[in-house]
Amino acid sequence: MLLRAIRYCSSFQVYLDEREKLRMALLLNKYPNKFINEQFNNVLIKLNIDQSLNNINYNIFRQQVINAPIKEK
């Protein structure tokens, strides 16, 4: 779901809002905050995003994610 947020959110602020909505949904479903953070970090690691996302680099990393081939299940 975080991957989907990166793909579809065209600005960093919209991405942050979507990420927090996702976090709240997971917290309401009794997932611990530590687990959520670990999973969010795992997604970023799998996407080769090795620095914190910010207003400056978000669009660069987002474009890399969009251009990456989609793995079929």
N, C-alpha and C. Protein backbone atom coordinates (compact mmCIF):
# COMPACT_ATOMS: atom_id res chain seq x y z
N MET A 1 0.82 -1.19 0.00
CA MET A 1 0.00 0.00 0.00
C MET A 1 0.87 1.26 0.00
N LEU A 2 2.02 1.19 0.66
CA LEU A 2 2.93 2.33 0.64
C LEU A 2 3.47 2.54 -0.77
N LEU A 3 3.75 1.45 -1.46
CA LEU A 3 4.20 1.54 -2.84
C LEU A 3 3.15 2.24 -3.70
N ARG A 4 1.91 1.89 -3.50
CA ARG A 4 0.81 2.53 -4.23
C ARG A 4 0.76 4.02 -3.93
N ALA A 5 0.98 4.39 -2.68
CA ALA A 5 0.99 5.81 -2.30
C ALA A 5 2.09 6.56 -3.04
N ILE A 6 3.27 5.96 -3.13
CA ILE A 6 4.37 6.61 -3.84
C ILE A 6 4.03 6.75 -5.32
N ARG A 7 3.45 5.71 -5.90
CA ARG A 7 3.13 5.75 -7.33
C ARG A 7 2.07 6.80 -7.66
N TYR A 8 1.06 6.95 -6.82
CA TYR A 8 -0.09 7.77 -7.17
C TYR A 8 -0.09 9.17 -6.57
N CYS A 9 0.74 9.43 -5.60
CA CYS A 9 0.77 10.77 -4.98
C CYS A 9 1.78 11.64 -5.71
N SER A 10 1.29 12.66 -6.37
CA SER A 10 2.15 13.48 -7.23
C SER A 10 2.99 14.49 -6.48
N SER A 11 2.67 14.75 -5.22
CA SER A 11 3.50 15.68 -4.44
C SER A 11 3.87 15.03 -3.11
N PHE A 12 4.93 15.53 -2.54
CA PHE A 12 5.43 14.98 -1.28
C PHE A 12 4.40 15.14 -0.17
N GLN A 13 3.72 16.28 -0.12
CA GLN A 13 2.73 16.51 0.94
C GLN A 13 1.56 15.55 0.82
N VAL A 14 1.11 15.30 -0.38
CA VAL A 14 0.01 14.34 -0.59
C VAL A 14 0.46 12.94 -0.17
N TYR A 15 1.70 12.59 -0.49
CA TYR A 15 2.26 11.31 -0.07
C TYR A 15 2.28 11.20 1.46
N LEU A 16 2.73 12.26 2.14
CA LEU A 16 2.76 12.23 3.60
C LEU A 16 1.36 12.04 4.18
N ASP A 17 0.39 12.74 3.61
CA ASP A 17 -1.00 12.60 4.07
C ASP A 17 -1.49 11.17 3.88
N GLU A 18 -1.21 10.60 2.72
CA GLU A 18 -1.65 9.23 2.43
C GLU A 18 -0.95 8.23 3.34
N ARG A 19 0.34 8.44 3.58
CA ARG A 19 1.09 7.55 4.47
C ARG A 19 0.51 7.59 5.89
N GLU A 20 0.12 8.77 6.35
CA GLU A 20 -0.45 8.87 7.69
C GLU A 20 -1.84 8.24 7.76
N LYS A 21 -2.62 8.34 6.69
CA LYS A 21 -3.92 7.65 6.66
C LYS A 21 -3.72 6.14 6.74
N LEU A 22 -2.72 5.66 6.02
CA LEU A 22 -2.40 4.23 6.05
C LEU A 22 -1.94 3.82 7.44
N ARG A 23 -1.09 4.63 8.06
CA ARG A 23 -0.62 4.35 9.42
C ARG A 23 -1.80 4.29 10.39
N MET A 24 -2.72 5.24 10.28
CA MET A 24 -3.87 5.27 11.19
C MET A 24 -4.75 4.03 11.00
N ALA A 25 -4.95 3.62 9.75
CA ALA A 25 -5.75 2.42 9.49
C ALA A 25 -5.10 1.20 10.12
N LEU A 26 -3.78 1.11 10.01
CA LEU A 26 -3.07 -0.03 10.61
C LEU A 26 -3.12 0.02 12.13
N LEU A 27 -2.97 1.21 12.70
CA LEU A 27 -3.06 1.35 14.16
C LEU A 27 -4.45 0.98 14.66
N LEU A 28 -5.48 1.39 13.93
CA LEU A 28 -6.85 1.04 14.32
C LEU A 28 -7.10 -0.46 14.24
N ASN A 29 -6.30 -1.14 13.43
CA ASN A 29 -6.40 -2.60 13.32
C ASN A 29 -5.41 -3.31 14.24
N LYS A 30 -4.92 -2.56 15.23
CA LYS A 30 -4.10 -3.10 16.33
C LYS A 30 -2.68 -3.50 15.94
N TYR A 31 -2.16 -2.97 14.83
CA TYR A 31 -0.75 -3.20 14.51
C TYR A 31 0.10 -2.26 15.34
N PRO A 32 1.17 -2.75 15.94
CA PRO A 32 2.03 -1.87 16.75
C PRO A 32 2.80 -0.88 15.87
N ASN A 33 3.01 0.31 16.41
CA ASN A 33 3.70 1.37 15.67
C ASN A 33 5.09 0.93 15.21
N LYS A 34 5.79 0.19 16.07
CA LYS A 34 7.13 -0.28 15.71
C LYS A 34 7.07 -1.18 14.48
N PHE A 35 6.11 -2.06 14.43
CA PHE A 35 5.94 -2.96 13.28
C PHE A 35 5.64 -2.16 12.01
N ILE A 36 4.77 -1.17 12.12
CA ILE A 36 4.41 -0.34 10.96
C ILE A 36 5.65 0.37 10.43
N ASN A 37 6.42 0.97 11.32
CA ASN A 37 7.64 1.67 10.90
C ASN A 37 8.62 0.72 10.22
N GLU A 38 8.78 -0.47 10.78
CA GLU A 38 9.69 -1.46 10.18
C GLU A 38 9.23 -1.83 8.77
N GLN A 39 7.94 -2.03 8.60
CA GLN A 39 7.42 -2.42 7.29
C GLN A 39 7.54 -1.28 6.28
N PHE A 40 7.28 -0.06 6.71
CA PHE A 40 7.46 1.10 5.83
C PHE A 40 8.93 1.19 5.40
N ASN A 41 9.84 1.00 6.35
CA ASN A 41 11.27 1.05 6.02
C ASN A 41 11.67 -0.09 5.08
N ASN A 42 11.09 -1.28 5.28
CA ASN A 42 11.38 -2.41 4.39
C ASN A 42 10.97 -2.10 2.95
N VAL A 43 9.83 -1.46 2.78
CA VAL A 43 9.38 -1.09 1.44
C VAL A 43 10.38 -0.14 0.80
N LEU A 44 10.82 0.86 1.55
CA LEU A 44 11.77 1.83 1.01
C LEU A 44 13.10 1.16 0.66
N ILE A 45 13.54 0.23 1.48
CA ILE A 45 14.78 -0.50 1.20
C ILE A 45 14.64 -1.32 -0.08
N LYS A 46 13.51 -2.01 -0.24
CA LYS A 46 13.29 -2.81 -1.45
C LYS A 46 13.25 -1.94 -2.70
N LEU A 47 12.86 -0.68 -2.54
CA LEU A 47 12.81 0.24 -3.67
C LEU A 47 14.13 0.97 -3.88
N ASN A 48 15.15 0.58 -3.11
CA ASN A 48 16.47 1.21 -3.18
C ASN A 48 16.44 2.69 -2.84
N ILE A 49 15.55 3.06 -1.94
CA ILE A 49 15.49 4.44 -1.45
C ILE A 49 16.28 4.45 -0.15
N ASP A 50 17.50 4.96 -0.24
CA ASP A 50 18.43 4.87 0.89
C ASP A 50 18.58 6.16 1.67
N GLN A 51 17.74 7.15 1.39
CA GLN A 51 17.77 8.39 2.16
C GLN A 51 16.34 8.79 2.48
N SER A 52 16.19 9.66 3.45
CA SER A 52 14.86 10.11 3.84
C SER A 52 14.21 10.88 2.70
N LEU A 53 12.95 10.60 2.47
CA LEU A 53 12.23 11.34 1.45
C LEU A 53 11.94 12.75 1.95
N ASN A 54 12.04 13.71 1.04
CA ASN A 54 11.73 15.10 1.38
C ASN A 54 11.19 15.79 0.13
N ASN A 55 10.86 17.07 0.27
CA ASN A 55 10.31 17.84 -0.85
C ASN A 55 11.22 17.83 -2.07
N ILE A 56 12.51 17.79 -1.84
CA ILE A 56 13.47 17.91 -2.93
C ILE A 56 13.63 16.60 -3.69
N ASN A 57 13.80 15.49 -2.98
CA ASN A 57 14.11 14.24 -3.67
C ASN A 57 12.90 13.34 -3.93
N TYR A 58 11.73 13.67 -3.43
CA TYR A 58 10.56 12.81 -3.59
C TYR A 58 10.26 12.52 -5.06
N ASN A 59 10.22 13.55 -5.89
CA ASN A 59 9.87 13.35 -7.30
C ASN A 59 10.89 12.51 -8.03
N ILE A 60 12.15 12.62 -7.67
CA ILE A 60 13.19 11.80 -8.30
C ILE A 60 12.97 10.32 -7.97
N PHE A 61 12.79 10.02 -6.67
CA PHE A 61 12.57 8.63 -6.27
C PHE A 61 11.24 8.11 -6.81
N ARG A 62 10.22 8.96 -6.82
CA ARG A 62 8.91 8.55 -7.35
C ARG A 62 9.04 8.15 -8.81
N GLN A 63 9.77 8.93 -9.58
CA GLN A 63 9.94 8.61 -11.00
C GLN A 63 10.68 7.28 -11.17
N GLN A 64 11.65 7.01 -10.31
CA GLN A 64 12.35 5.72 -10.36
C GLN A 64 11.39 4.57 -10.08
N VAL A 65 10.49 4.77 -9.12
CA VAL A 65 9.51 3.73 -8.78
C VAL A 65 8.55 3.52 -9.95
N ILE A 66 8.10 4.60 -10.55
CA ILE A 66 7.17 4.49 -11.67
C ILE A 66 7.83 3.78 -12.85
N ASN A 67 9.09 4.08 -13.10
CA ASN A 67 9.80 3.49 -14.24
C ASN A 67 10.25 2.05 -14.01
N ALA A 68 10.26 1.61 -12.77
CA ALA A 68 10.71 0.26 -12.45
C ALA A 68 9.71 -0.76 -12.98
N PRO A 69 10.19 -1.90 -13.47
CA PRO A 69 9.26 -2.94 -13.94
C PRO A 69 8.44 -3.49 -12.77
N ILE A 70 7.21 -3.82 -13.05
CA ILE A 70 6.32 -4.36 -12.03
C ILE A 70 6.49 -5.87 -12.01
N LYS A 71 6.75 -6.42 -10.82
CA LYS A 71 6.93 -7.86 -10.68
C LYS A 71 5.56 -8.52 -10.61
N GLU A 72 5.38 -9.53 -11.43
CA GLU A 72 4.12 -10.27 -11.44
C GLU A 72 4.11 -11.29 -10.32
N LYS A 73 2.94 -11.53 -9.77
CA LYS A 73 2.81 -12.51 -8.68
C LYS A 73 2.70 -13.90 -9.23
